[in-house]
Amino acid sequence: MKSDIAATQQFVEAAAPAASTFCKDAEAAVQTFARVAPHASHHPQVGQTGVQLQELAELARQAMVLSINLYHAVEEVDRLFS
């Protein structure tokens, strides 16, 4: 069981940088698109794309929070079995 906990910790630790990068990249996409959107606001796809990018950024933020919470939860499980 201890080896499964250690493996889980490794996966969670490996996922944390990916979640962080996902969050940063999604925010950058939203900001970059926000500079373009006013120049093409008459196209319906522009508004739809802006909304979808905002939703993506929110999912990225949630992934980051989940990653942090999961890291702490796995640490707690490890302490329980130590």
PDB file of N, CA and C in Angstrom:
ATOM      1  N   MET A   1       0.831  -1.186   0.000  1.00  0.00           N
ATOM      2  CA  MET A   1       0.000   0.000   0.000  1.00  0.00           C
ATOM      3  C   MET A   1       0.878   1.253   0.000  1.00  0.00           C
ATOM      4  N   LYS A   2       1.969   1.203   0.740  1.00  0.00           N
ATOM      5  CA  LYS A   2       2.869   2.354   0.813  1.00  0.00           C
ATOM      6  C   LYS A   2       3.422   2.705  -0.567  1.00  0.00           C
ATOM      7  N   SER A   3       3.704   1.685  -1.375  1.00  0.00           N
ATOM      8  CA  SER A   3       4.224   1.958  -2.715  1.00  0.00           C
ATOM      9  C   SER A   3       3.161   2.605  -3.602  1.00  0.00           C
ATOM     10  N   ASP A   4       1.899   2.246  -3.406  1.00  0.00           N
ATOM     11  CA  ASP A   4       0.814   2.886  -4.168  1.00  0.00           C
ATOM     12  C   ASP A   4       0.661   4.350  -3.782  1.00  0.00           C
ATOM     13  N   ILE A   5       0.823   4.635  -2.503  1.00  0.00           N
ATOM     14  CA  ILE A   5       0.745   6.033  -2.050  1.00  0.00           C
ATOM     15  C   ILE A   5       1.897   6.834  -2.639  1.00  0.00           C
ATOM     16  N   ALA A   6       3.094   6.240  -2.619  1.00  0.00           N
ATOM     17  CA  ALA A   6       4.259   6.923  -3.193  1.00  0.00           C
ATOM     18  C   ALA A   6       4.070   7.169  -4.687  1.00  0.00           C
ATOM     19  N   ALA A   7       3.534   6.190  -5.393  1.00  0.00           N
ATOM     20  CA  ALA A   7       3.275   6.360  -6.830  1.00  0.00           C
ATOM     21  C   ALA A   7       2.246   7.454  -7.068  1.00  0.00           C
ATOM     22  N   THR A   8       1.216   7.468  -6.227  1.00  0.00           N
ATOM     23  CA  THR A   8       0.192   8.518  -6.352  1.00  0.00           C
ATOM     24  C   THR A   8       0.819   9.883  -6.136  1.00  0.00           C
ATOM     25  N   GLN A   9       1.688   9.989  -5.135  1.00  0.00           N
ATOM     26  CA  GLN A   9       2.365  11.264  -4.882  1.00  0.00           C
ATOM     27  C   GLN A   9       3.171  11.698  -6.099  1.00  0.00           C
ATOM     28  N   GLN A  10       3.853  10.766  -6.731  1.00  0.00           N
ATOM     29  CA  GLN A  10       4.649  11.097  -7.914  1.00  0.00           C
ATOM     30  C   GLN A  10       3.763  11.617  -9.047  1.00  0.00           C
ATOM     31  N   PHE A  11       2.628  10.965  -9.256  1.00  0.00           N
ATOM     32  CA  PHE A  11       1.714  11.423 -10.314  1.00  0.00           C
ATOM     33  C   PHE A  11       1.160  12.806 -10.012  1.00  0.00           C
ATOM     34  N   VAL A  12       0.786  13.027  -8.758  1.00  0.00           N
ATOM     35  CA  VAL A  12       0.234  14.327  -8.371  1.00  0.00           C
ATOM     36  C   VAL A  12       1.293  15.411  -8.520  1.00  0.00           C
ATOM     37  N   GLU A  13       2.504  15.114  -8.086  1.00  0.00           N
ATOM     38  CA  GLU A  13       3.593  16.084  -8.221  1.00  0.00           C
ATOM     39  C   GLU A  13       3.905  16.372  -9.687  1.00  0.00           C
ATOM     40  N   ALA A  14       3.819  15.368 -10.523  1.00  0.00           N
ATOM     41  CA  ALA A  14       4.068  15.556 -11.951  1.00  0.00           C
ATOM     42  C   ALA A  14       2.952  16.369 -12.612  1.00  0.00           C
ATOM     43  N   ALA A  15       1.736  16.221 -12.101  1.00  0.00           N
ATOM     44  CA  ALA A  15       0.601  16.939 -12.690  1.00  0.00           C
ATOM     45  C   ALA A  15       0.579  18.417 -12.300  1.00  0.00           C
ATOM     46  N   ALA A  16       1.156  18.759 -11.165  1.00  0.00           N
ATOM     47  CA  ALA A  16       1.098  20.148 -10.677  1.00  0.00           C
ATOM     48  C   ALA A  16       1.678  21.153 -11.673  1.00  0.00           C
ATOM     49  N   PRO A  17       2.883  20.926 -12.218  1.00  0.00           N
ATOM     50  CA  PRO A  17       3.400  21.892 -13.199  1.00  0.00           C
ATOM     51  C   PRO A  17       2.531  21.984 -14.451  1.00  0.00           C
ATOM     52  N   ALA A  18       1.951  20.860 -14.856  1.00  0.00           N
ATOM     53  CA  ALA A  18       1.076  20.885 -16.029  1.00  0.00           C
ATOM     54  C   ALA A  18      -0.163  21.727 -15.754  1.00  0.00           C
ATOM     55  N   ALA A  19      -0.726  21.597 -14.559  1.00  0.00           N
ATOM     56  CA  ALA A  19      -1.894  22.404 -14.205  1.00  0.00           C
ATOM     57  C   ALA A  19      -1.532  23.880 -14.164  1.00  0.00           C
ATOM     58  N   SER A  20      -0.368  24.179 -13.634  1.00  0.00           N
ATOM     59  CA  SER A  20       0.090  25.568 -13.572  1.00  0.00           C
ATOM     60  C   SER A  20       0.281  26.150 -14.975  1.00  0.00           C
ATOM     61  N   THR A  21       0.919  25.380 -15.843  1.00  0.00           N
ATOM     62  CA  THR A  21       1.132  25.831 -17.219  1.00  0.00           C
ATOM     63  C   THR A  21      -0.194  26.000 -17.946  1.00  0.00           C
ATOM     64  N   PHE A  22      -1.097  25.054 -17.760  1.00  0.00           N
ATOM     65  CA  PHE A  22      -2.430  25.137 -18.365  1.00  0.00           C
ATOM     66  C   PHE A  22      -3.126  26.426 -17.934  1.00  0.00           C
ATOM     67  N   CYS A  23      -3.044  26.739 -16.651  1.00  0.00           N
ATOM     68  CA  CYS A  23      -3.694  27.934 -16.124  1.00  0.00           C
ATOM     69  C   CYS A  23      -3.075  29.197 -16.740  1.00  0.00           C
ATOM     70  N   LYS A  24      -1.759  29.268 -16.756  1.00  0.00           N
ATOM     71  CA  LYS A  24      -1.066  30.432 -17.320  1.00  0.00           C
ATOM     72  C   LYS A  24      -1.375  30.598 -18.804  1.00  0.00           C
ATOM     73  N   ASP A  25      -1.339  29.495 -19.542  1.00  0.00           N
ATOM     74  CA  ASP A  25      -1.589  29.556 -20.985  1.00  0.00           C
ATOM     75  C   ASP A  25      -3.029  29.944 -21.293  1.00  0.00           C
ATOM     76  N   ALA A  26      -3.969  29.424 -20.512  1.00  0.00           N
ATOM     77  CA  ALA A  26      -5.380  29.781 -20.726  1.00  0.00           C
ATOM     78  C   ALA A  26      -5.606  31.259 -20.453  1.00  0.00           C
ATOM     79  N   GLU A  27      -5.007  31.763 -19.387  1.00  0.00           N
ATOM     80  CA  GLU A  27      -5.134  33.197 -19.078  1.00  0.00           C
ATOM     81  C   GLU A  27      -4.507  34.041 -20.180  1.00  0.00           C
ATOM     82  N   ALA A  28      -3.362  33.615 -20.678  1.00  0.00           N
ATOM     83  CA  ALA A  28      -2.702  34.339 -21.765  1.00  0.00           C
ATOM     84  C   ALA A  28      -3.562  34.331 -23.020  1.00  0.00           C
ATOM     85  N   ALA A  29      -4.212  33.218 -23.306  1.00  0.00           N
ATOM     86  CA  ALA A  29      -5.100  33.141 -24.470  1.00  0.00           C
ATOM     87  C   ALA A  29      -6.263  34.111 -24.332  1.00  0.00           C
ATOM     88  N   VAL A  30      -6.839  34.182 -23.142  1.00  0.00           N
ATOM     89  CA  VAL A  30      -7.956  35.107 -22.903  1.00  0.00           C
ATOM     90  C   VAL A  30      -7.491  36.547 -23.122  1.00  0.00           C
ATOM     91  N   GLN A  31      -6.356  36.887 -22.555  1.00  0.00           N
ATOM     92  CA  GLN A  31      -5.851  38.260 -22.673  1.00  0.00           C
ATOM     93  C   GLN A  31      -5.490  38.616 -24.110  1.00  0.00           C
ATOM     94  N   THR A  32      -4.862  37.684 -24.805  1.00  0.00           N
ATOM     95  CA  THR A  32      -4.492  37.936 -26.197  1.00  0.00           C
ATOM     96  C   THR A  32      -5.732  38.090 -27.069  1.00  0.00           C
ATOM     97  N   PHE A  33      -6.693  37.204 -26.872  1.00  0.00           N
ATOM     98  CA  PHE A  33      -7.918  37.284 -27.667  1.00  0.00           C
ATOM     99  C   PHE A  33      -8.680  38.571 -27.360  1.00  0.00           C
ATOM    100  N   ALA A  34      -8.616  39.022 -26.117  1.00  0.00           N
ATOM    101  CA  ALA A  34      -9.315  40.264 -25.746  1.00  0.00           C
ATOM    102  C   ALA A  34      -8.796  41.455 -26.547  1.00  0.00           C
ATOM    103  N   ARG A  35      -7.549  41.410 -26.964  1.00  0.00           N
ATOM    104  CA  ARG A  35      -7.004  42.503 -27.789  1.00  0.00           C
ATOM    105  C   ARG A  35      -7.521  42.428 -29.222  1.00  0.00           C
ATOM    106  N   VAL A  36      -7.847  41.224 -29.670  1.00  0.00           N
ATOM    107  CA  VAL A  36      -8.308  41.024 -31.048  1.00  0.00           C
ATOM    108  C   VAL A  36      -9.816  41.241 -31.166  1.00  0.00           C
ATOM    109  N   ALA A  37     -10.557  40.801 -30.176  1.00  0.00           N
ATOM    110  CA  ALA A  37     -12.023  40.774 -30.227  1.00  0.00           C
ATOM    111  C   ALA A  37     -12.672  42.095 -30.609  1.00  0.00           C
ATOM    112  N   PRO A  38     -12.249  43.243 -30.068  1.00  0.00           N
ATOM    113  CA  PRO A  38     -12.928  44.489 -30.437  1.00  0.00           C
ATOM    114  C   PRO A  38     -12.862  44.819 -31.924  1.00  0.00           C
ATOM    115  N   HIS A  39     -11.867  44.314 -32.610  1.00  0.00           N
ATOM    116  CA  HIS A  39     -11.698  44.608 -34.039  1.00  0.00           C
ATOM    117  C   HIS A  39     -12.565  43.729 -34.926  1.00  0.00           C
ATOM    118  N   ALA A  40     -13.167  42.706 -34.348  1.00  0.00           N
ATOM    119  CA  ALA A  40     -13.988  41.790 -35.143  1.00  0.00           C
ATOM    120  C   ALA A  40     -15.279  41.439 -34.403  1.00  0.00           C
ATOM    121  N   SER A  41     -15.752  42.339 -33.565  1.00  0.00           N
ATOM    122  CA  SER A  41     -16.909  42.039 -32.719  1.00  0.00           C
ATOM    123  C   SER A  41     -18.194  41.834 -33.514  1.00  0.00           C
ATOM    124  N   HIS A  42     -18.223  42.228 -34.775  1.00  0.00           N
ATOM    125  CA  HIS A  42     -19.422  42.049 -35.592  1.00  0.00           C
ATOM    126  C   HIS A  42     -19.591  40.596 -36.060  1.00  0.00           C
ATOM    127  N   HIS A  43     -18.596  39.773 -35.856  1.00  0.00           N
ATOM    128  CA  HIS A  43     -18.694  38.358 -36.214  1.00  0.00           C
ATOM    129  C   HIS A  43     -19.176  37.570 -34.995  1.00  0.00           C
ATOM    130  N   PRO A  44     -20.268  36.806 -35.110  1.00  0.00           N
ATOM    131  CA  PRO A  44     -20.785  36.046 -33.964  1.00  0.00           C
ATOM    132  C   PRO A  44     -19.765  35.065 -33.370  1.00  0.00           C
ATOM    133  N   GLN A  45     -18.908  34.521 -34.219  1.00  0.00           N
ATOM    134  CA  GLN A  45     -17.923  33.556 -33.728  1.00  0.00           C
ATOM    135  C   GLN A  45     -16.951  34.200 -32.745  1.00  0.00           C
ATOM    136  N   VAL A  46     -16.721  35.488 -32.897  1.00  0.00           N
ATOM    137  CA  VAL A  46     -15.779  36.179 -32.011  1.00  0.00           C
ATOM    138  C   VAL A  46     -16.312  36.167 -30.577  1.00  0.00           C
ATOM    139  N   GLY A  47     -17.577  36.510 -30.413  1.00  0.00           N
ATOM    140  CA  GLY A  47     -18.170  36.484 -29.078  1.00  0.00           C
ATOM    141  C   GLY A  47     -18.196  35.090 -28.500  1.00  0.00           C
ATOM    142  N   GLN A  48     -18.547  34.128 -29.323  1.00  0.00           N
ATOM    143  CA  GLN A  48     -18.602  32.735 -28.876  1.00  0.00           C
ATOM    144  C   GLN A  48     -17.208  32.248 -28.471  1.00  0.00           C
ATOM    145  N   THR A  49     -16.216  32.600 -29.253  1.00  0.00           N
ATOM    146  CA  THR A  49     -14.847  32.198 -28.936  1.00  0.00           C
ATOM    147  C   THR A  49     -14.385  32.840 -27.639  1.00  0.00           C
ATOM    148  N   GLY A  50     -14.722  34.095 -27.450  1.00  0.00           N
ATOM    149  CA  GLY A  50     -14.363  34.781 -26.201  1.00  0.00           C
ATOM    150  C   GLY A  50     -14.968  34.089 -24.992  1.00  0.00           C
ATOM    151  N   VAL A  51     -16.225  33.700 -25.095  1.00  0.00           N
ATOM    152  CA  VAL A  51     -16.900  32.993 -23.998  1.00  0.00           C
ATOM    153  C   VAL A  51     -16.227  31.647 -23.748  1.00  0.00           C
ATOM    154  N   GLN A  52     -15.919  30.934 -24.815  1.00  0.00           N
ATOM    155  CA  GLN A  52     -15.279  29.623 -24.660  1.00  0.00           C
ATOM    156  C   GLN A  52     -13.893  29.754 -24.034  1.00  0.00           C
ATOM    157  N   LEU A  53     -13.160  30.795 -24.398  1.00  0.00           N
ATOM    158  CA  LEU A  53     -11.853  31.003 -23.790  1.00  0.00           C
ATOM    159  C   LEU A  53     -11.980  31.330 -22.306  1.00  0.00           C
ATOM    160  N   GLN A  54     -12.997  32.107 -21.948  1.00  0.00           N
ATOM    161  CA  GLN A  54     -13.236  32.406 -20.529  1.00  0.00           C
ATOM    162  C   GLN A  54     -13.557  31.117 -19.774  1.00  0.00           C
ATOM    163  N   GLU A  55     -14.367  30.260 -20.387  1.00  0.00           N
ATOM    164  CA  GLU A  55     -14.707  28.979 -19.755  1.00  0.00           C
ATOM    165  C   GLU A  55     -13.463  28.107 -19.610  1.00  0.00           C
ATOM    166  N   LEU A  56     -12.605  28.108 -20.621  1.00  0.00           N
ATOM    167  CA  LEU A  56     -11.358  27.351 -20.558  1.00  0.00           C
ATOM    168  C   LEU A  56     -10.482  27.876 -19.420  1.00  0.00           C
ATOM    169  N   ALA A  57     -10.380  29.186 -19.296  1.00  0.00           N
ATOM    170  CA  ALA A  57      -9.579  29.769 -18.231  1.00  0.00           C
ATOM    171  C   ALA A  57     -10.133  29.388 -16.859  1.00  0.00           C
ATOM    172  N   GLU A  58     -11.443  29.368 -16.725  1.00  0.00           N
ATOM    173  CA  GLU A  58     -12.057  28.973 -15.457  1.00  0.00           C
ATOM    174  C   GLU A  58     -11.761  27.502 -15.159  1.00  0.00           C
ATOM    175  N   LEU A  59     -11.850  26.647 -16.156  1.00  0.00           N
ATOM    176  CA  LEU A  59     -11.495  25.237 -15.963  1.00  0.00           C
ATOM    177  C   LEU A  59     -10.031  25.093 -15.557  1.00  0.00           C
ATOM    178  N   ALA A  60      -9.175  25.893 -16.153  1.00  0.00           N
ATOM    179  CA  ALA A  60      -7.749  25.846 -15.811  1.00  0.00           C
ATOM    180  C   ALA A  60      -7.528  26.258 -14.357  1.00  0.00           C
ATOM    181  N   ARG A  61      -8.230  27.309 -13.915  1.00  0.00           N
ATOM    182  CA  ARG A  61      -8.114  27.733 -12.514  1.00  0.00           C
ATOM    183  C   ARG A  61      -8.607  26.629 -11.586  1.00  0.00           C
ATOM    184  N   GLN A  62      -9.698  25.995 -11.950  1.00  0.00           N
ATOM    185  CA  GLN A  62     -10.229  24.900 -11.139  1.00  0.00           C
ATOM    186  C   GLN A  62      -9.250  23.728 -11.106  1.00  0.00           C
ATOM    187  N   ALA A  63      -8.612  23.440 -12.235  1.00  0.00           N
ATOM    188  CA  ALA A  63      -7.617  22.365 -12.292  1.00  0.00           C
ATOM    189  C   ALA A  63      -6.441  22.674 -11.371  1.00  0.00           C
ATOM    190  N   MET A  64      -6.044  23.933 -11.340  1.00  0.00           N
ATOM    191  CA  MET A  64      -4.937  24.334 -10.475  1.00  0.00           C
ATOM    192  C   MET A  64      -5.317  24.147  -9.004  1.00  0.00           C
ATOM    193  N   VAL A  65      -6.487  24.592  -8.625  1.00  0.00           N
ATOM    194  CA  VAL A  65      -6.951  24.439  -7.242  1.00  0.00           C
ATOM    195  C   VAL A  65      -7.077  22.963  -6.884  1.00  0.00           C
ATOM    196  N   LEU A  66      -7.639  22.186  -7.783  1.00  0.00           N
ATOM    197  CA  LEU A  66      -7.786  20.751  -7.548  1.00  0.00           C
ATOM    198  C   LEU A  66      -6.416  20.090  -7.377  1.00  0.00           C
ATOM    199  N   SER A  67      -5.466  20.483  -8.188  1.00  0.00           N
ATOM    200  CA  SER A  67      -4.121  19.929  -8.100  1.00  0.00           C
ATOM    201  C   SER A  67      -3.504  20.215  -6.730  1.00  0.00           C
ATOM    202  N   ILE A  68      -3.649  21.421  -6.253  1.00  0.00           N
ATOM    203  CA  ILE A  68      -3.119  21.797  -4.937  1.00  0.00           C
ATOM    204  C   ILE A  68      -3.830  21.012  -3.836  1.00  0.00           C
ATOM    205  N   ASN A  69      -5.148  20.956  -3.911  1.00  0.00           N
ATOM    206  CA  ASN A  69      -5.919  20.216  -2.895  1.00  0.00           C
ATOM    207  C   ASN A  69      -5.567  18.734  -2.902  1.00  0.00           C
ATOM    208  N   LEU A  70      -5.408  18.183  -4.082  1.00  0.00           N
ATOM    209  CA  LEU A  70      -5.064  16.772  -4.201  1.00  0.00           C
ATOM    210  C   LEU A  70      -3.681  16.502  -3.615  1.00  0.00           C
ATOM    211  N   TYR A  71      -2.755  17.386  -3.866  1.00  0.00           N
ATOM    212  CA  TYR A  71      -1.415  17.247  -3.315  1.00  0.00           C
ATOM    213  C   TYR A  71      -1.475  17.157  -1.788  1.00  0.00           C
ATOM    214  N   HIS A  72      -2.221  18.065  -1.171  1.00  0.00           N
ATOM    215  CA  HIS A  72      -2.340  18.066   0.289  1.00  0.00           C
ATOM    216  C   HIS A  72      -3.078  16.826   0.797  1.00  0.00           C
ATOM    217  N   ALA A  73      -4.074  16.380   0.072  1.00  0.00           N
ATOM    218  CA  ALA A  73      -4.820  15.190   0.481  1.00  0.00           C
ATOM    219  C   ALA A  73      -3.929  13.949   0.449  1.00  0.00           C
ATOM    220  N   VAL A  74      -3.124  13.826  -0.589  1.00  0.00           N
ATOM    221  CA  VAL A  74      -2.233  12.672  -0.692  1.00  0.00           C
ATOM    222  C   VAL A  74      -1.167  12.728   0.413  1.00  0.00           C
ATOM    223  N   GLU A  75      -0.690  13.918   0.730  1.00  0.00           N
ATOM    224  CA  GLU A  75       0.234  14.059   1.852  1.00  0.00           C
ATOM    225  C   GLU A  75      -0.396  13.555   3.146  1.00  0.00           C
ATOM    226  N   GLU A  76      -1.652  13.904   3.358  1.00  0.00           N
ATOM    227  CA  GLU A  76      -2.363  13.485   4.565  1.00  0.00           C
ATOM    228  C   GLU A  76      -2.527  11.963   4.600  1.00  0.00           C
ATOM    229  N   VAL A  77      -2.873  11.366   3.491  1.00  0.00           N
ATOM    230  CA  VAL A  77      -2.992   9.913   3.411  1.00  0.00           C
ATOM    231  C   VAL A  77      -1.646   9.266   3.717  1.00  0.00           C
ATOM    232  N   ASP A  78      -0.590   9.836   3.175  1.00  0.00           N
ATOM    233  CA  ASP A  78       0.751   9.302   3.432  1.00  0.00           C
ATOM    234  C   ASP A  78       1.053   9.340   4.941  1.00  0.00           C
ATOM    235  N   ARG A  79       0.704  10.428   5.591  1.00  0.00           N
ATOM    236  CA  ARG A  79       0.935  10.542   7.050  1.00  0.00           C
ATOM    237  C   ARG A  79       0.107   9.493   7.818  1.00  0.00           C
ATOM    238  N   LEU A  80      -1.090   9.237   7.355  1.00  0.00           N
ATOM    239  CA  LEU A  80      -1.942   8.253   8.018  1.00  0.00           C
ATOM    240  C   LEU A  80      -1.339   6.854   7.986  1.00  0.00           C
ATOM    241  N   PHE A  81      -0.652   6.540   6.896  1.00  0.00           N
ATOM    242  CA  PHE A  81      -0.097   5.203   6.730  1.00  0.00           C
ATOM    243  C   PHE A  81       1.389   5.122   7.103  1.00  0.00           C
ATOM    244  N   SER A  82       1.924   6.197   7.619  1.00  0.00           N
ATOM    245  CA  SER A  82       3.349   6.192   8.026  1.00  0.00           C
ATOM    246  C   SER A  82       3.519   5.665   9.422  1.00  0.00           C
TER     247      SER A  82
END
